[in-house]
N, C-alpha and C. Protein backbone atom coordinates (compact mmCIF):
# COMPACT_ATOMS: atom_id res chain seq x y z
N MET A 1 76.94 -10.61 -11.46
CA MET A 1 76.95 -11.85 -12.20
C MET A 1 77.25 -11.64 -13.68
N PRO A 2 76.83 -10.52 -14.30
CA PRO A 2 77.16 -10.31 -15.71
C PRO A 2 78.67 -10.27 -15.94
N LEU A 3 79.41 -9.73 -14.97
CA LEU A 3 80.87 -9.68 -15.10
C LEU A 3 81.43 -11.09 -15.19
N PHE A 4 80.96 -11.97 -14.32
CA PHE A 4 81.44 -13.35 -14.30
C PHE A 4 81.07 -14.07 -15.59
N ALA A 5 79.85 -13.85 -16.08
CA ALA A 5 79.42 -14.48 -17.33
C ALA A 5 80.29 -14.00 -18.48
N GLY A 6 80.64 -12.70 -18.47
CA GLY A 6 81.49 -12.15 -19.52
C GLY A 6 82.89 -12.75 -19.47
N LEU A 7 83.40 -12.95 -18.29
CA LEU A 7 84.73 -13.55 -18.14
C LEU A 7 84.71 -15.01 -18.60
N LYS A 8 83.63 -15.70 -18.31
CA LYS A 8 83.51 -17.10 -18.66
C LYS A 8 83.47 -17.28 -20.18
N GLN A 9 82.79 -16.37 -20.87
CA GLN A 9 82.68 -16.46 -22.33
C GLN A 9 83.93 -15.93 -23.02
N GLY A 10 84.65 -15.07 -22.31
CA GLY A 10 85.84 -14.45 -22.92
C GLY A 10 87.05 -15.36 -22.89
N SER A 11 88.16 -14.74 -23.04
CA SER A 11 89.40 -15.51 -23.15
C SER A 11 90.18 -15.50 -21.84
N VAL A 12 89.54 -15.18 -20.71
CA VAL A 12 90.24 -15.17 -19.42
C VAL A 12 90.28 -16.59 -18.88
N PRO A 13 91.47 -17.08 -18.59
CA PRO A 13 91.57 -18.45 -18.05
C PRO A 13 91.03 -18.54 -16.62
N GLU A 14 90.55 -19.72 -16.24
CA GLU A 14 89.99 -19.93 -14.90
C GLU A 14 91.03 -19.78 -13.81
N SER A 15 92.28 -19.87 -14.10
CA SER A 15 93.33 -19.72 -13.11
C SER A 15 93.66 -18.26 -12.83
N ASP A 16 93.15 -17.34 -13.62
CA ASP A 16 93.42 -15.92 -13.47
C ASP A 16 92.78 -15.39 -12.17
N GLN A 17 93.47 -14.49 -11.47
CA GLN A 17 92.99 -13.93 -10.20
C GLN A 17 91.67 -13.19 -10.39
N GLN A 18 91.53 -12.45 -11.46
CA GLN A 18 90.32 -11.70 -11.75
C GLN A 18 89.12 -12.65 -11.93
N TYR A 19 89.34 -13.76 -12.57
CA TYR A 19 88.31 -14.77 -12.77
C TYR A 19 87.85 -15.34 -11.42
N LYS A 20 88.81 -15.64 -10.53
CA LYS A 20 88.49 -16.22 -9.22
C LYS A 20 87.70 -15.22 -8.37
N GLU A 21 88.08 -13.95 -8.43
CA GLU A 21 87.35 -12.94 -7.67
C GLU A 21 85.93 -12.77 -8.19
N ALA A 22 85.77 -12.76 -9.49
CA ALA A 22 84.45 -12.64 -10.09
C ALA A 22 83.57 -13.84 -9.75
N GLU A 23 84.17 -15.00 -9.65
CA GLU A 23 83.45 -16.22 -9.31
C GLU A 23 82.87 -16.15 -7.89
N ASN A 24 83.56 -15.45 -6.97
CA ASN A 24 83.13 -15.34 -5.58
C ASN A 24 82.17 -14.17 -5.33
N GLN A 25 81.98 -13.29 -6.30
CA GLN A 25 81.14 -12.11 -6.11
C GLN A 25 79.69 -12.42 -5.73
N PRO A 26 79.00 -13.37 -6.37
CA PRO A 26 77.60 -13.63 -5.97
C PRO A 26 77.49 -14.07 -4.51
N ASP A 27 78.39 -14.93 -4.04
CA ASP A 27 78.34 -15.38 -2.65
C ASP A 27 78.60 -14.22 -1.70
N LYS A 28 79.54 -13.36 -2.04
CA LYS A 28 79.85 -12.20 -1.20
C LYS A 28 78.65 -11.26 -1.13
N ALA A 29 77.97 -11.06 -2.26
CA ALA A 29 76.82 -10.16 -2.29
C ALA A 29 75.68 -10.70 -1.43
N VAL A 30 75.41 -11.98 -1.52
CA VAL A 30 74.33 -12.59 -0.72
C VAL A 30 74.67 -12.51 0.76
N THR A 31 75.91 -12.80 1.12
CA THR A 31 76.34 -12.74 2.52
C THR A 31 76.22 -11.32 3.05
N ALA A 32 76.63 -10.33 2.27
CA ALA A 32 76.53 -8.93 2.69
C ALA A 32 75.07 -8.52 2.89
N LEU A 33 74.20 -8.95 1.99
CA LEU A 33 72.78 -8.62 2.10
C LEU A 33 72.19 -9.24 3.37
N LEU A 34 72.46 -10.50 3.62
CA LEU A 34 71.93 -11.16 4.82
C LEU A 34 72.45 -10.51 6.09
N ARG A 35 73.70 -10.10 6.10
CA ARG A 35 74.29 -9.43 7.26
C ARG A 35 73.59 -8.09 7.51
N ARG A 36 73.33 -7.35 6.44
CA ARG A 36 72.65 -6.05 6.60
C ARG A 36 71.21 -6.23 7.08
N ILE A 37 70.53 -7.24 6.59
CA ILE A 37 69.17 -7.52 7.08
C ILE A 37 69.22 -7.84 8.57
N ARG A 38 70.14 -8.67 8.98
CA ARG A 38 70.27 -9.06 10.37
C ARG A 38 70.56 -7.85 11.25
N GLU A 39 71.36 -6.92 10.77
CA GLU A 39 71.71 -5.73 11.55
C GLU A 39 70.57 -4.71 11.58
N THR A 40 69.72 -4.71 10.58
CA THR A 40 68.65 -3.72 10.48
C THR A 40 67.43 -4.11 11.29
N PHE A 41 66.96 -5.33 11.16
CA PHE A 41 65.73 -5.76 11.81
C PHE A 41 66.07 -6.55 13.08
N ILE A 42 66.29 -5.82 14.17
CA ILE A 42 66.70 -6.48 15.41
C ILE A 42 65.73 -6.25 16.56
N THR A 43 64.66 -5.45 16.34
CA THR A 43 63.73 -5.14 17.42
C THR A 43 62.29 -5.21 16.93
N LEU A 44 61.45 -5.83 17.73
CA LEU A 44 60.01 -5.84 17.49
C LEU A 44 59.34 -4.94 18.54
N TYR A 45 58.39 -4.16 18.12
CA TYR A 45 57.63 -3.32 19.03
C TYR A 45 56.17 -3.74 18.97
N PHE A 46 55.53 -3.86 20.14
CA PHE A 46 54.10 -4.17 20.18
C PHE A 46 53.52 -3.63 21.47
N PRO A 47 52.20 -3.32 21.46
CA PRO A 47 51.58 -2.75 22.66
C PRO A 47 51.22 -3.81 23.69
N ASN A 48 51.25 -3.40 24.95
CA ASN A 48 50.69 -4.22 26.03
C ASN A 48 50.11 -3.27 27.07
N ARG A 49 49.74 -3.78 28.24
CA ARG A 49 49.10 -2.94 29.26
C ARG A 49 49.93 -1.74 29.68
N ASN A 50 51.24 -1.92 29.73
CA ASN A 50 52.12 -0.88 30.24
C ASN A 50 52.65 0.04 29.16
N GLY A 51 52.14 -0.06 27.96
CA GLY A 51 52.60 0.79 26.87
C GLY A 51 53.22 -0.06 25.77
N ILE A 52 54.19 0.51 25.10
CA ILE A 52 54.85 -0.18 24.00
C ILE A 52 56.00 -1.02 24.55
N VAL A 53 56.03 -2.28 24.16
CA VAL A 53 57.08 -3.20 24.59
C VAL A 53 58.09 -3.33 23.45
N ARG A 54 59.34 -3.36 23.83
CA ARG A 54 60.42 -3.53 22.87
C ARG A 54 61.02 -4.91 23.11
N GLU A 55 60.96 -5.74 22.09
CA GLU A 55 61.44 -7.12 22.20
C GLU A 55 62.61 -7.31 21.25
N GLY A 56 63.72 -7.80 21.77
CA GLY A 56 64.86 -8.09 20.92
C GLY A 56 64.53 -9.21 19.95
N PHE A 57 65.01 -9.10 18.75
CA PHE A 57 64.71 -10.07 17.71
C PHE A 57 65.97 -10.34 16.92
N LYS A 58 66.34 -11.58 16.83
CA LYS A 58 67.54 -11.94 16.08
C LYS A 58 67.15 -12.86 14.93
N PRO A 59 67.14 -12.32 13.71
CA PRO A 59 66.78 -13.16 12.56
C PRO A 59 67.76 -14.31 12.39
N GLU A 60 67.25 -15.44 12.04
CA GLU A 60 68.10 -16.62 11.84
C GLU A 60 68.10 -16.99 10.36
N PHE A 61 69.28 -17.23 9.86
CA PHE A 61 69.45 -17.65 8.48
C PHE A 61 69.94 -19.09 8.52
N LYS A 62 69.07 -20.00 8.16
CA LYS A 62 69.43 -21.41 8.18
C LYS A 62 69.57 -21.88 6.74
N GLU A 63 70.69 -22.46 6.45
CA GLU A 63 70.96 -22.99 5.11
C GLU A 63 70.74 -21.92 4.04
N ASN A 64 71.19 -20.70 4.34
CA ASN A 64 71.05 -19.55 3.44
C ASN A 64 69.59 -19.26 3.11
N LYS A 65 68.68 -19.61 4.01
CA LYS A 65 67.26 -19.31 3.82
C LYS A 65 66.81 -18.47 5.00
N PHE A 66 65.93 -17.54 4.70
CA PHE A 66 65.42 -16.65 5.74
C PHE A 66 63.92 -16.52 5.56
N ASN A 67 63.16 -16.93 6.57
CA ASN A 67 61.72 -16.76 6.57
C ASN A 67 61.37 -15.81 7.70
N GLY A 68 61.42 -14.51 7.40
CA GLY A 68 61.21 -13.48 8.41
C GLY A 68 59.84 -13.52 9.03
N GLU A 69 58.80 -13.71 8.21
CA GLU A 69 57.44 -13.73 8.73
C GLU A 69 57.26 -14.85 9.75
N GLU A 70 57.76 -16.02 9.43
CA GLU A 70 57.65 -17.16 10.35
C GLU A 70 58.37 -16.89 11.66
N GLN A 71 59.54 -16.26 11.58
CA GLN A 71 60.31 -15.97 12.79
C GLN A 71 59.65 -14.88 13.63
N ILE A 72 59.06 -13.88 12.99
CA ILE A 72 58.37 -12.82 13.73
C ILE A 72 57.14 -13.39 14.41
N ILE A 73 56.38 -14.23 13.70
CA ILE A 73 55.20 -14.87 14.30
C ILE A 73 55.63 -15.71 15.50
N GLY A 74 56.73 -16.45 15.38
CA GLY A 74 57.24 -17.24 16.50
C GLY A 74 57.59 -16.38 17.70
N ALA A 75 58.22 -15.24 17.45
CA ALA A 75 58.58 -14.33 18.55
C ALA A 75 57.33 -13.74 19.21
N LEU A 76 56.32 -13.41 18.41
CA LEU A 76 55.08 -12.86 18.96
C LEU A 76 54.29 -13.91 19.72
N ILE A 77 54.31 -15.15 19.24
CA ILE A 77 53.64 -16.24 19.97
C ILE A 77 54.32 -16.44 21.32
N GLU A 78 55.64 -16.40 21.33
CA GLU A 78 56.40 -16.55 22.58
C GLU A 78 56.08 -15.42 23.56
N ALA A 79 55.86 -14.21 23.04
CA ALA A 79 55.52 -13.07 23.89
C ALA A 79 54.02 -13.05 24.22
N MET A 80 53.28 -14.07 23.78
CA MET A 80 51.84 -14.21 23.99
C MET A 80 51.08 -13.01 23.42
N LYS A 81 51.51 -12.56 22.25
CA LYS A 81 50.86 -11.45 21.58
C LYS A 81 50.20 -11.88 20.27
N PHE A 82 50.38 -13.12 19.88
CA PHE A 82 49.80 -13.62 18.63
C PHE A 82 49.39 -15.06 18.83
N GLU A 83 48.23 -15.40 18.27
CA GLU A 83 47.79 -16.80 18.26
C GLU A 83 47.39 -17.13 16.84
N ASP A 84 47.57 -18.35 16.48
CA ASP A 84 47.28 -18.77 15.11
C ASP A 84 46.26 -19.90 15.15
N PHE A 85 45.52 -20.06 14.06
CA PHE A 85 44.54 -21.13 13.95
C PHE A 85 45.21 -22.49 14.09
N GLN A 86 44.76 -23.30 15.00
CA GLN A 86 45.26 -24.68 15.14
C GLN A 86 44.04 -25.60 15.02
N SER A 87 43.59 -26.14 16.11
CA SER A 87 42.37 -26.95 16.12
C SER A 87 41.19 -25.98 16.11
N GLU A 88 40.38 -26.04 15.08
CA GLU A 88 39.37 -25.00 14.86
C GLU A 88 38.33 -24.91 15.97
N ASP A 89 37.73 -26.02 16.37
CA ASP A 89 36.66 -25.96 17.37
C ASP A 89 37.17 -25.49 18.73
N ALA A 90 38.26 -26.06 19.19
CA ALA A 90 38.83 -25.65 20.48
C ALA A 90 39.29 -24.20 20.42
N PHE A 91 39.87 -23.82 19.29
CA PHE A 91 40.35 -22.45 19.11
C PHE A 91 39.19 -21.46 19.16
N ILE A 92 38.11 -21.75 18.44
CA ILE A 92 36.97 -20.83 18.39
C ILE A 92 36.37 -20.67 19.78
N GLU A 93 36.26 -21.76 20.54
CA GLU A 93 35.70 -21.66 21.89
C GLU A 93 36.61 -20.84 22.80
N ALA A 94 37.91 -21.05 22.73
CA ALA A 94 38.85 -20.26 23.53
C ALA A 94 38.81 -18.80 23.10
N LEU A 95 38.73 -18.56 21.81
CA LEU A 95 38.67 -17.20 21.29
C LEU A 95 37.38 -16.51 21.73
N ARG A 96 36.27 -17.23 21.73
CA ARG A 96 35.00 -16.65 22.18
C ARG A 96 35.08 -16.22 23.63
N LYS A 97 35.64 -17.08 24.48
CA LYS A 97 35.75 -16.75 25.90
C LYS A 97 36.64 -15.53 26.12
N LYS A 98 37.77 -15.49 25.41
CA LYS A 98 38.66 -14.33 25.52
C LYS A 98 37.98 -13.07 25.01
N CYS A 99 37.29 -13.20 23.91
CA CYS A 99 36.59 -12.06 23.31
C CYS A 99 35.55 -11.50 24.27
N GLU A 100 34.74 -12.36 24.85
CA GLU A 100 33.70 -11.91 25.77
C GLU A 100 34.29 -11.32 27.04
N GLN A 101 35.45 -11.79 27.44
CA GLN A 101 36.08 -11.30 28.65
C GLN A 101 36.81 -9.96 28.44
N ARG A 102 37.43 -9.79 27.28
CA ARG A 102 38.28 -8.62 27.08
C ARG A 102 37.70 -7.53 26.19
N ILE A 103 36.94 -7.88 25.14
CA ILE A 103 36.48 -6.84 24.23
C ILE A 103 34.97 -6.76 24.05
N PHE A 104 34.28 -7.84 24.21
CA PHE A 104 32.81 -7.86 24.09
C PHE A 104 32.28 -7.78 25.51
N THR A 105 32.47 -6.62 26.16
CA THR A 105 32.24 -6.48 27.59
C THR A 105 30.82 -6.07 27.95
N GLN A 106 30.02 -5.69 26.98
CA GLN A 106 28.62 -5.33 27.24
C GLN A 106 27.73 -6.45 26.71
N GLN A 107 26.48 -6.44 27.13
CA GLN A 107 25.57 -7.50 26.70
C GLN A 107 25.30 -7.45 25.20
N GLU A 108 25.33 -6.24 24.63
CA GLU A 108 25.15 -6.11 23.19
C GLU A 108 26.02 -4.97 22.68
N MET A 109 26.63 -5.22 21.53
CA MET A 109 27.51 -4.24 20.87
C MET A 109 27.39 -4.44 19.37
N THR A 110 27.72 -3.40 18.61
CA THR A 110 27.77 -3.58 17.17
C THR A 110 29.06 -4.32 16.83
N TRP A 111 29.08 -4.97 15.68
CA TRP A 111 30.28 -5.69 15.26
C TRP A 111 31.43 -4.70 15.04
N ALA A 112 31.12 -3.50 14.56
CA ALA A 112 32.15 -2.47 14.36
C ALA A 112 32.79 -2.09 15.70
N GLN A 113 32.00 -1.99 16.77
CA GLN A 113 32.55 -1.68 18.09
C GLN A 113 33.46 -2.81 18.58
N ILE A 114 33.03 -4.04 18.36
CA ILE A 114 33.84 -5.19 18.78
C ILE A 114 35.17 -5.19 18.04
N MET A 115 35.13 -4.97 16.73
CA MET A 115 36.36 -4.96 15.93
C MET A 115 37.26 -3.78 16.31
N GLU A 116 36.66 -2.64 16.62
CA GLU A 116 37.46 -1.48 17.04
C GLU A 116 38.17 -1.77 18.36
N ARG A 117 37.46 -2.39 19.29
CA ARG A 117 38.09 -2.74 20.57
C ARG A 117 39.18 -3.79 20.38
N ALA A 118 38.96 -4.72 19.45
CA ALA A 118 39.98 -5.73 19.16
C ALA A 118 41.24 -5.06 18.62
N ALA A 119 41.08 -3.98 17.88
CA ALA A 119 42.22 -3.28 17.31
C ALA A 119 42.91 -2.37 18.31
N THR A 120 42.19 -1.89 19.32
CA THR A 120 42.76 -0.90 20.23
C THR A 120 43.06 -1.42 21.63
N GLU A 121 42.48 -2.54 22.02
CA GLU A 121 42.71 -3.10 23.35
C GLU A 121 44.09 -3.75 23.41
N THR A 122 44.96 -3.23 24.26
CA THR A 122 46.35 -3.71 24.27
C THR A 122 46.51 -5.11 24.84
N THR A 123 45.55 -5.57 25.64
CA THR A 123 45.66 -6.92 26.18
C THR A 123 45.19 -7.98 25.19
N TRP A 124 44.57 -7.55 24.10
CA TRP A 124 44.04 -8.47 23.11
C TRP A 124 45.17 -8.98 22.23
N GLN A 125 45.22 -10.28 22.03
CA GLN A 125 46.24 -10.85 21.16
C GLN A 125 45.90 -10.58 19.71
N TRP A 126 46.88 -10.70 18.85
CA TRP A 126 46.67 -10.45 17.42
C TRP A 126 46.23 -11.72 16.73
N TYR A 127 45.23 -11.57 15.91
CA TYR A 127 44.70 -12.67 15.13
C TYR A 127 44.55 -12.20 13.70
N HIS A 128 44.48 -13.13 12.81
CA HIS A 128 44.18 -12.77 11.43
C HIS A 128 42.75 -12.24 11.41
N PRO A 129 42.48 -11.14 10.67
CA PRO A 129 41.12 -10.58 10.66
C PRO A 129 40.03 -11.59 10.31
N LYS A 130 40.34 -12.56 9.47
CA LYS A 130 39.34 -13.57 9.11
C LYS A 130 38.95 -14.42 10.31
N GLN A 131 39.83 -14.54 11.30
CA GLN A 131 39.52 -15.34 12.47
C GLN A 131 38.40 -14.71 13.29
N MET A 132 38.37 -13.38 13.36
CA MET A 132 37.27 -12.72 14.07
C MET A 132 35.96 -12.90 13.32
N ASP A 133 36.01 -12.82 11.99
CA ASP A 133 34.81 -13.06 11.20
C ASP A 133 34.33 -14.50 11.36
N GLU A 134 35.28 -15.43 11.43
CA GLU A 134 34.94 -16.85 11.64
C GLU A 134 34.31 -17.04 13.01
N LEU A 135 34.84 -16.34 14.02
CA LEU A 135 34.28 -16.41 15.37
C LEU A 135 32.83 -15.93 15.35
N LYS A 136 32.57 -14.81 14.72
CA LYS A 136 31.21 -14.27 14.64
C LYS A 136 30.28 -15.27 13.96
N LYS A 137 30.73 -15.81 12.83
CA LYS A 137 29.90 -16.76 12.07
C LYS A 137 29.57 -17.99 12.91
N LYS A 138 30.57 -18.57 13.58
CA LYS A 138 30.35 -19.79 14.38
C LYS A 138 29.45 -19.50 15.58
N CYS A 139 29.65 -18.35 16.24
CA CYS A 139 28.83 -18.03 17.41
C CYS A 139 27.38 -17.76 17.02
N LEU A 140 27.16 -17.14 15.87
CA LEU A 140 25.79 -16.92 15.41
C LEU A 140 25.13 -18.23 15.02
N MET A 141 25.90 -19.12 14.38
CA MET A 141 25.35 -20.42 13.97
C MET A 141 25.00 -21.30 15.19
N SER A 142 25.82 -21.23 16.23
CA SER A 142 25.58 -22.07 17.41
C SER A 142 24.62 -21.40 18.41
N ASP A 143 24.11 -20.22 18.07
CA ASP A 143 23.19 -19.46 18.92
C ASP A 143 23.82 -19.05 20.25
N THR A 144 25.15 -18.93 20.26
CA THR A 144 25.84 -18.39 21.42
C THR A 144 25.71 -16.87 21.41
N TRP A 145 25.71 -16.31 20.22
CA TRP A 145 25.45 -14.89 19.99
C TRP A 145 24.26 -14.79 19.04
N ARG A 146 23.59 -13.66 19.10
CA ARG A 146 22.49 -13.38 18.18
C ARG A 146 22.67 -11.98 17.61
N GLU A 147 22.30 -11.83 16.36
CA GLU A 147 22.36 -10.52 15.72
C GLU A 147 20.95 -9.99 15.61
N VAL A 148 20.71 -8.86 16.28
CA VAL A 148 19.37 -8.27 16.30
C VAL A 148 19.51 -6.77 16.03
N GLY A 149 18.94 -6.33 14.92
CA GLY A 149 18.93 -4.90 14.60
C GLY A 149 20.32 -4.28 14.50
N GLY A 150 21.26 -5.01 13.94
CA GLY A 150 22.62 -4.47 13.77
C GLY A 150 23.50 -4.64 15.00
N TYR A 151 22.97 -5.21 16.07
CA TYR A 151 23.74 -5.43 17.29
C TYR A 151 23.96 -6.93 17.48
N ILE A 152 25.11 -7.26 18.03
CA ILE A 152 25.41 -8.64 18.42
C ILE A 152 25.10 -8.75 19.91
N LYS A 153 24.28 -9.72 20.27
CA LYS A 153 23.94 -9.97 21.67
C LYS A 153 24.57 -11.28 22.08
N LYS A 154 25.09 -11.34 23.31
CA LYS A 154 25.68 -12.58 23.79
C LYS A 154 24.81 -13.20 24.88
N CYS A 155 25.02 -14.49 25.12
CA CYS A 155 24.27 -15.23 26.14
C CYS A 155 24.50 -14.59 27.50
N PRO A 156 23.64 -14.76 28.43
CA PRO A 156 22.33 -15.40 28.37
C PRO A 156 21.31 -14.44 27.75
N PHE A 157 20.42 -15.02 27.00
CA PHE A 157 19.39 -14.23 26.34
C PHE A 157 18.14 -14.19 27.21
N ALA A 158 17.38 -13.13 27.06
CA ALA A 158 16.10 -13.04 27.78
C ALA A 158 15.19 -14.14 27.24
N LYS A 159 14.43 -14.73 28.14
CA LYS A 159 13.53 -15.79 27.71
C LYS A 159 12.41 -15.19 26.86
N ASP A 160 11.98 -15.95 25.88
CA ASP A 160 10.88 -15.51 25.03
C ASP A 160 9.62 -15.45 25.88
N PRO A 161 8.80 -14.42 25.69
CA PRO A 161 7.57 -14.33 26.49
C PRO A 161 6.63 -15.50 26.17
N THR A 162 5.98 -15.95 27.20
CA THR A 162 5.03 -17.05 27.00
C THR A 162 3.64 -16.47 26.79
N ASP A 163 2.82 -17.23 26.16
CA ASP A 163 1.44 -16.81 25.97
C ASP A 163 0.55 -18.04 25.93
N VAL A 164 -0.72 -17.78 26.05
CA VAL A 164 -1.71 -18.86 26.03
C VAL A 164 -2.66 -18.58 24.89
N ILE A 165 -2.92 -19.60 24.12
CA ILE A 165 -3.88 -19.49 23.03
C ILE A 165 -5.03 -20.44 23.33
N ILE A 166 -6.21 -19.86 23.42
CA ILE A 166 -7.38 -20.69 23.69
C ILE A 166 -8.11 -20.87 22.37
N GLU A 167 -8.35 -22.11 22.06
CA GLU A 167 -8.98 -22.44 20.80
C GLU A 167 -10.16 -23.36 21.08
N GLN A 168 -11.29 -23.00 20.58
CA GLN A 168 -12.48 -23.82 20.79
C GLN A 168 -12.48 -24.92 19.74
N THR A 169 -12.51 -26.15 20.19
CA THR A 169 -12.52 -27.28 19.26
C THR A 169 -13.90 -27.90 19.14
N GLU A 170 -14.68 -27.83 20.22
CA GLU A 170 -16.05 -28.36 20.19
C GLU A 170 -16.97 -27.40 20.94
N TYR A 171 -18.25 -27.53 20.59
CA TYR A 171 -19.24 -26.71 21.29
C TYR A 171 -20.45 -27.59 21.62
N ASP A 172 -20.86 -27.55 22.89
CA ASP A 172 -21.98 -28.35 23.33
C ASP A 172 -22.95 -27.45 24.07
N ASP A 173 -24.17 -27.32 23.55
CA ASP A 173 -25.19 -26.49 24.22
C ASP A 173 -25.59 -27.14 25.53
């Protein structure tokens, strides 16, 4: 672009071939960059039960705009490897059920164990880390899970022991 600005300020007429070529340089550079990006990032890799899956990915440039993150998230959602926050209550309940089925497989586990399994279990979908913290917070608040001595316990909980208290209120000889 500095070349074009220099030509514009100088004494080169707009009809000159050099001026016309310089005028087209920014568009050519942007087109070349977008083409190279498209050729470079064409495959997504992610784990599943059978190992690493290779998914073809074709970046789309609409109106000279490219939102790679949005397109990658869309491809991962389509491959059922990523879920995003939508309706919070329904999402948290679905996430809790999946969590208890796939990674929170024992009656009690530490939160670090649950998070480690979420990171290493290939059948587990990808979520934003804050979503797991939100799940923990909501489940503890609703008493679906309980935190006791550094461990998270899930329902059903053992019933509290019952006892009888005898209290003398009156005395008659």
